[in-house]
C-alpha atoms as a PDB file:
ATOM      1  CA  MET A   1     -18.239  28.096   0.752  1.00  0.00           C
ATOM      2  CA  ALA A   2     -14.995  27.480  -0.446  1.00  0.00           C
ATOM      3  CA  ARG A   3     -14.499  23.378   0.978  1.00  0.00           C
ATOM      4  CA  ALA A   4     -11.376  21.385   0.404  1.00  0.00           C
ATOM      5  CA  THR A   5     -10.026  18.148   0.491  1.00  0.00           C
ATOM      6  CA  PHE A   6      -6.225  16.600   1.533  1.00  0.00           C
ATOM      7  CA  LYS A   7      -5.202  13.122   1.233  1.00  0.00           C
ATOM      8  CA  MET A   8      -3.045  12.145   3.297  1.00  0.00           C
ATOM      9  CA  PRO A   9       0.378   9.952   1.639  1.00  0.00           C
ATOM     10  CA  ASP A  10      -0.570   6.472   2.951  1.00  0.00           C
ATOM     11  CA  ASP A  11       3.378   6.230   4.109  1.00  0.00           C
ATOM     12  CA  PHE A  12       2.828   8.583   6.206  1.00  0.00           C
ATOM     13  CA  LEU A  13      -0.490   7.484   7.263  1.00  0.00           C
ATOM     14  CA  GLU A  14       0.537   3.974   8.714  1.00  0.00           C
ATOM     15  CA  LYS A  15       3.262   5.375  10.446  1.00  0.00           C
ATOM     16  CA  LEU A  16       1.208   7.256  12.546  1.00  0.00           C
ATOM     17  CA  SER A  17      -0.775   4.331  12.764  1.00  0.00           C
ATOM     18  CA  LYS A  18       1.587   3.088  13.959  1.00  0.00           C
ATOM     19  CA  LEU A  19       2.889   4.920  16.905  1.00  0.00           C
ATOM     20  CA  ASN A  20      -1.335   4.978  19.089  1.00  0.00           C
ATOM     21  CA  ASN A  21       0.157   5.527  22.150  1.00  0.00           C
ATOM     22  CA  GLN A  22       3.683   5.340  22.440  1.00  0.00           C
ATOM     23  CA  PHE A  23       3.633   9.382  21.022  1.00  0.00           C
ATOM     24  CA  ASP A  24       4.487  10.798  24.696  1.00  0.00           C
ATOM     25  CA  ARG A  25       7.203   8.059  25.269  1.00  0.00           C
ATOM     26  CA  ILE A  26       8.641   8.248  22.343  1.00  0.00           C
ATOM     27  CA  VAL A  27       8.508  12.268  21.954  1.00  0.00           C
ATOM     28  CA  PRO A  28      10.552  13.572  24.313  1.00  0.00           C
ATOM     29  CA  GLU A  29      13.408  10.408  22.883  1.00  0.00           C
ATOM     30  CA  VAL A  30      13.113  12.795  19.331  1.00  0.00           C
ATOM     31  CA  LEU A  31      13.958  15.467  20.676  1.00  0.00           C
ATOM     32  CA  GLN A  32      16.524  15.034  23.148  1.00  0.00           C
ATOM     33  CA  ALA A  33      18.277  13.116  19.248  1.00  0.00           C
ATOM     34  CA  GLY A  34      18.037  16.845  18.089  1.00  0.00           C
ATOM     35  CA  THR A  35      19.984  18.341  20.878  1.00  0.00           C
ATOM     36  CA  GLU A  36      22.884  16.918  19.954  1.00  0.00           C
ATOM     37  CA  PRO A  37      24.030  18.565  16.813  1.00  0.00           C
ATOM     38  CA  ILE A  38      23.278  21.710  18.676  1.00  0.00           C
ATOM     39  CA  VAL A  39      25.338  21.097  21.286  1.00  0.00           C
ATOM     40  CA  LYS A  40      28.197  20.158  19.959  1.00  0.00           C
ATOM     41  CA  LYS A  41      27.752  23.591  18.189  1.00  0.00           C
ATOM     42  CA  ALA A  42      27.266  25.589  21.119  1.00  0.00           C
ATOM     43  CA  LYS A  43      30.346  24.218  22.885  1.00  0.00           C
ATOM     44  CA  SER A  44      32.504  25.073  19.297  1.00  0.00           C
ATOM     45  CA  ASN A  45      31.331  28.272  19.001  1.00  0.00           C
ATOM     46  CA  LEU A  46      31.554  29.017  22.655  1.00  0.00           C
ATOM     47  CA  ALA A  47      34.781  28.081  22.812  1.00  0.00           C
ATOM     48  CA  ALA A  48      35.837  29.676  19.866  1.00  0.00           C
ATOM     49  CA  ARG A  49      34.619  33.973  21.288  1.00  0.00           C
ATOM     50  CA  ILE A  50      36.197  33.272  24.528  1.00  0.00           C
ATOM     51  CA  GLY A  51      39.738  34.656  24.884  1.00  0.00           C
ATOM     52  CA  VAL A  52      39.085  36.462  21.605  1.00  0.00           C
ATOM     53  CA  GLY A  53      39.977  40.400  21.308  1.00  0.00           C
ATOM     54  CA  THR A  54      40.872  40.835  25.064  1.00  0.00           C
ATOM     55  CA  LYS A  55      44.494  43.034  26.199  1.00  0.00           C
ATOM     56  CA  ASN A  56      45.485  40.519  28.792  1.00  0.00           C
ATOM     57  CA  PRO A  57      45.812  36.628  27.499  1.00  0.00           C
ATOM     58  CA  SER A  58      42.366  34.253  28.214  1.00  0.00           C
ATOM     59  CA  GLU A  59      42.160  32.760  32.763  1.00  0.00           C
ATOM     60  CA  SER A  60      39.174  30.390  31.034  1.00  0.00           C
ATOM     61  CA  THR A  61      39.121  27.379  32.926  1.00  0.00           C
ATOM     62  CA  GLY A  62      36.748  25.883  31.165  1.00  0.00           C
ATOM     63  CA  GLU A  63      33.793  26.553  32.815  1.00  0.00           C
ATOM     64  CA  LEU A  64      31.797  27.962  31.672  1.00  0.00           C
ATOM     65  CA  ILE A  65      31.626  25.195  28.669  1.00  0.00           C
ATOM     66  CA  ALA A  66      31.501  22.776  31.002  1.00  0.00           C
ATOM     67  CA  SER A  67      27.937  24.258  32.220  1.00  0.00           C
ATOM     68  CA  LEU A  68      26.655  24.027  28.198  1.00  0.00           C
ATOM     69  CA  GLU A  69      23.025  21.526  29.222  1.00  0.00           C
ATOM     70  CA  THR A  70      20.129  21.166  28.039  1.00  0.00           C
ATOM     71  CA  THR A  71      16.707  20.389  30.234  1.00  0.00           C
ATOM     72  CA  LYS A  72      14.668  17.882  29.825  1.00  0.00           C
ATOM     73  CA  PRO A  73      11.800  18.062  27.407  1.00  0.00           C
ATOM     74  CA  VAL A  74       8.365  19.057  29.460  1.00  0.00           C
ATOM     75  CA  GLN A  75       4.743  19.611  27.887  1.00  0.00           C
ATOM     76  CA  ASP A  76       3.141  22.668  28.608  1.00  0.00           C
ATOM     77  CA  TYR A  77      -0.920  23.272  28.831  1.00  0.00           C
ATOM     78  CA  LYS A  78      -1.436  23.770  25.360  1.00  0.00           C
ATOM     79  CA  GLY A  79       0.773  21.046  24.014  1.00  0.00           C
ATOM     80  CA  ASN A  80       3.288  22.136  23.024  1.00  0.00           C
ATOM     81  CA  TRP A  81       6.327  20.027  23.590  1.00  0.00           C
ATOM     82  CA  ASN A  82       9.826  21.992  25.268  1.00  0.00           C
ATOM     83  CA  LEU A  83      13.560  21.738  26.424  1.00  0.00           C
ATOM     84  CA  ARG A  84      15.726  24.410  26.360  1.00  0.00           C
ATOM     85  CA  VAL A  85      19.621  24.657  25.205  1.00  0.00           C
ATOM     86  CA  GLY A  86      22.012  26.772  27.348  1.00  0.00           C
ATOM     87  CA  ILE A  87      23.788  27.893  29.953  1.00  0.00           C
ATOM     88  CA  PRO A  88      22.233  28.153  33.798  1.00  0.00           C
ATOM     89  CA  THR A  89      22.565  30.662  36.438  1.00  0.00           C
ATOM     90  CA  THR A  90      24.877  28.000  38.261  1.00  0.00           C
ATOM     91  CA  LYS A  91      28.046  29.902  39.777  1.00  0.00           C
ATOM     92  CA  ASP A  92      31.347  29.380  38.538  1.00  0.00           C
ATOM     93  CA  SER A  93      34.455  27.968  41.511  1.00  0.00           C
ATOM     94  CA  LYS A  94      34.501  32.236  42.129  1.00  0.00           C
ATOM     95  CA  GLY A  95      31.381  33.084  42.879  1.00  0.00           C
ATOM     96  CA  VAL A  96      29.593  34.036  39.082  1.00  0.00           C
ATOM     97  CA  SER A  97      27.040  33.568  37.517  1.00  0.00           C
ATOM     98  CA  ASN A  98      27.620  31.299  34.536  1.00  0.00           C
ATOM     99  CA  ALA A  99      24.666  32.800  33.105  1.00  0.00           C
ATOM    100  CA  LEU A 100      26.374  36.064  32.988  1.00  0.00           C
ATOM    101  CA  LYS A 101      29.003  35.371  31.452  1.00  0.00           C
ATOM    102  CA  ALA A 102      27.298  33.694  28.560  1.00  0.00           C
ATOM    103  CA  ALA A 103      24.935  36.399  28.250  1.00  0.00           C
ATOM    104  CA  VAL A 104      27.455  39.456  28.267  1.00  0.00           C
ATOM    105  CA  MET A 105      29.935  37.597  25.085  1.00  0.00           C
ATOM    106  CA  GLU A 106      27.232  37.124  23.811  1.00  0.00           C
ATOM    107  CA  TYR A 107      25.662  41.010  24.089  1.00  0.00           C
ATOM    108  CA  GLY A 108      28.183  42.977  25.593  1.00  0.00           C
ATOM    109  CA  LYS A 109      28.249  45.890  27.683  1.00  0.00           C
ATOM    110  CA  ALA A 110      29.935  49.279  28.033  1.00  0.00           C
ATOM    111  CA  GLY A 111      33.726  48.841  27.273  1.00  0.00           C
ATOM    112  CA  GLN A 112      33.192  44.625  25.738  1.00  0.00           C
ATOM    113  CA  PRO A 113      31.587  44.450  22.102  1.00  0.00           C
ATOM    114  CA  PRO A 114      29.505  41.270  21.716  1.00  0.00           C
ATOM    115  CA  LYS A 115      30.592  38.022  20.933  1.00  0.00           C
ATOM    116  CA  PRO A 116      28.129  36.321  19.636  1.00  0.00           C
ATOM    117  CA  TRP A 117      28.141  33.341  20.378  1.00  0.00           C
ATOM    118  CA  LEU A 118      23.784  31.562  20.821  1.00  0.00           C
ATOM    119  CA  LYS A 119      23.074  33.282  18.205  1.00  0.00           C
ATOM    120  CA  PRO A 120      25.387  31.552  15.841  1.00  0.00           C
ATOM    121  CA  THR A 121      25.090  28.188  16.352  1.00  0.00           C
ATOM    122  CA  LYS A 122      21.228  28.629  16.040  1.00  0.00           C
ATOM    123  CA  SER A 123      20.938  29.442  13.069  1.00  0.00           C
ATOM    124  CA  ALA A 124      24.290  27.203  11.746  1.00  0.00           C
ATOM    125  CA  THR A 125      22.034  23.745  13.845  1.00  0.00           C
ATOM    126  CA  ARG A 126      19.244  24.116  12.605  1.00  0.00           C
ATOM    127  CA  LYS A 127      18.561  21.784   9.690  1.00  0.00           C
ATOM    128  CA  ALA A 128      20.872  19.023  11.409  1.00  0.00           C
ATOM    129  CA  CYS A 129      18.511  19.289  14.287  1.00  0.00           C
ATOM    130  CA  ILE A 130      15.734  18.994  11.786  1.00  0.00           C
ATOM    131  CA  GLU A 131      17.562  15.664  10.551  1.00  0.00           C
ATOM    132  CA  ALA A 132      19.086  14.604  14.038  1.00  0.00           C
ATOM    133  CA  MET A 133      15.033  14.678  15.115  1.00  0.00           C
ATOM    134  CA  LYS A 134      13.224  12.424  12.234  1.00  0.00           C
ATOM    135  CA  GLU A 135      15.845   9.981  12.184  1.00  0.00           C
ATOM    136  CA  ALA A 136      15.122   9.270  15.400  1.00  0.00           C
ATOM    137  CA  LEU A 137      11.308   9.667  15.088  1.00  0.00           C
ATOM    138  CA  ASP A 138      12.216   6.609  12.083  1.00  0.00           C
ATOM    139  CA  LYS A 139      14.031   4.295  14.630  1.00  0.00           C
ATOM    140  CA  GLU A 140      11.344   4.797  16.932  1.00  0.00           C
ATOM    141  CA  ILE A 141       8.571   3.965  14.546  1.00  0.00           C
ATOM    142  CA  ASP A 142      10.647   0.862  13.606  1.00  0.00           C
ATOM    143  CA  LYS A 143      10.906  -0.221  16.033  1.00  0.00           C
ATOM    144  CA  LEU A 144       7.422  -0.302  17.459  1.00  0.00           C
END
């Protein structure tokens, strides 16, 4: 049977040892820091897609963009931390679901082509999100 050993870098091991029992307090803060670049890009992508390619001028009130939010980080039964960035199922002032409007923009409908804003946001912000979380984790570790 094959056998392998891995030696972790000493500086990384020191950082992990500093976390100790503070991990559950630090993780939600780090995840929240990672959502900042995503929310900025999602709002700009959504604003750029509203009213584009329509026959009539846009009558956007800005409620869809304002409804973009993040949930609180929660830990699931497997121990994984999750949070969501997106449009909740709240309704606008006319009683139309914001999530429905966002989904129709993203995927289109009969007679209306899709105007993707969420998928491009995901691919464009992956590295920025990871970097923001790394910086937040380093700051938290330095505080300890």
